[in-house]
Protein backbone atom coordinates (compact mmCIF):
# COMPACT_ATOMS: atom_id res chain seq x y z
CA MET A 1 -0.02 0.01 0.11
CA LYS A 2 2.90 2.33 0.75
CA ALA A 3 4.37 1.84 -2.70
CA PHE A 4 1.04 2.66 -4.17
CA ALA A 5 0.55 6.02 -2.36
CA GLN A 6 3.90 6.84 -3.27
CA LEU A 7 3.27 6.34 -6.85
CA LEU A 8 0.19 7.97 -6.83
CA MET A 9 1.97 11.12 -4.92
CA ALA A 10 4.70 11.26 -7.76
CA THR A 11 2.07 10.95 -10.44
CA GLY A 12 0.10 13.93 -9.01
CA LEU A 13 2.99 15.98 -8.69
CA MET A 14 4.20 15.27 -12.18
CA VAL A 15 0.79 16.32 -13.45
CA THR A 16 0.53 19.39 -11.56
CA ALA A 17 4.17 20.68 -12.01
CA THR A 18 4.58 24.02 -13.68
CA THR A 19 7.47 25.19 -15.52
CA ALA A 20 10.75 26.14 -13.93
CA SER A 21 11.96 29.74 -14.06
CA ALA A 22 16.01 29.22 -13.94
CA HIS A 23 16.64 33.03 -13.87
CA ALA A 24 13.57 34.58 -12.00
CA GLY A 25 13.71 38.34 -11.85
CA HIS A 26 15.58 39.11 -15.01
CA ASP A 27 14.26 41.01 -17.64
CA ALA A 28 14.10 39.13 -21.14
CA GLY A 29 15.11 41.95 -23.26
CA THR A 30 17.90 43.75 -21.43
CA GLY A 31 20.51 43.57 -24.13
CA PHE A 32 23.36 41.58 -25.34
CA THR A 33 25.91 42.79 -22.82
CA SER A 34 23.58 41.92 -19.77
CA GLY A 35 23.41 38.54 -21.07
CA LEU A 36 27.15 38.21 -21.66
CA LEU A 37 28.02 39.29 -18.27
CA HIS A 38 25.29 37.40 -16.33
CA PRO A 39 27.48 34.16 -16.19
CA MET A 40 29.82 36.19 -14.37
CA LEU A 41 28.11 38.46 -12.25
CA GLY A 42 24.89 36.39 -11.61
CA LEU A 43 24.36 35.27 -8.00
CA GLU A 44 23.32 31.78 -8.88
CA HIS A 45 26.42 31.38 -10.98
CA LEU A 46 28.76 32.79 -8.46
CA LEU A 47 27.25 30.45 -5.65
CA THR A 48 27.84 27.50 -7.99
CA MET A 49 31.44 28.19 -8.73
CA ALA A 50 31.98 28.81 -5.05
CA ALA A 51 30.26 25.33 -4.20
CA ILE A 52 32.59 23.80 -6.90
CA GLY A 53 35.48 25.33 -5.47
CA PHE A 54 34.67 24.02 -1.90
CA TRP A 55 34.18 20.67 -3.39
CA CYS A 56 37.30 20.71 -5.30
CA VAL A 57 39.40 21.41 -2.21
CA ARG A 58 38.09 18.17 -0.49
CA GLN A 59 38.84 15.87 -3.28
CA SER A 60 41.95 13.89 -4.18
CA ALA A 61 44.91 15.41 -6.44
CA THR A 62 43.78 13.56 -9.37
CA LEU A 63 40.04 14.71 -9.17
CA LYS A 64 41.37 18.11 -8.40
CA ASN A 65 43.29 18.38 -11.48
CA SER A 66 40.20 17.24 -13.70
CA THR A 67 37.46 19.40 -12.01
CA LEU A 68 38.16 22.29 -14.47
CA LEU A 69 37.48 19.91 -17.39
CA PHE A 70 34.26 18.88 -15.70
CA VAL A 71 33.10 22.41 -15.31
CA ILE A 72 33.94 23.25 -18.80
CA GLY A 73 32.21 20.19 -20.15
CA GLY A 74 29.13 20.73 -18.28
CA MET A 75 28.87 24.18 -19.51
CA VAL A 76 29.26 23.08 -23.19
CA VAL A 77 26.78 20.36 -22.59
CA GLY A 78 24.29 22.78 -21.09
CA ALA A 79 25.06 25.23 -23.81
CA GLY A 80 24.32 22.33 -26.20
CA ILE A 81 20.97 21.36 -24.72
CA ALA A 82 19.85 24.93 -24.53
């Protein structure tokens, strides 16, 4: 019965989900320069880079050296998806 309740809850949440707004509070037509600077000055991007830096410090030497490749690879994949 518990599995059925979980399945019912998950189905209900998927059906009623709304679209995500990844960059809430930003004007859509603010210009090319604003869009270009956003990844460097946007709060969510700065917090993500800080989190990656803190995570990297706690990893082994091999993983520390490859973290930059993971970050750049993730950005390329994200840009390709968009």
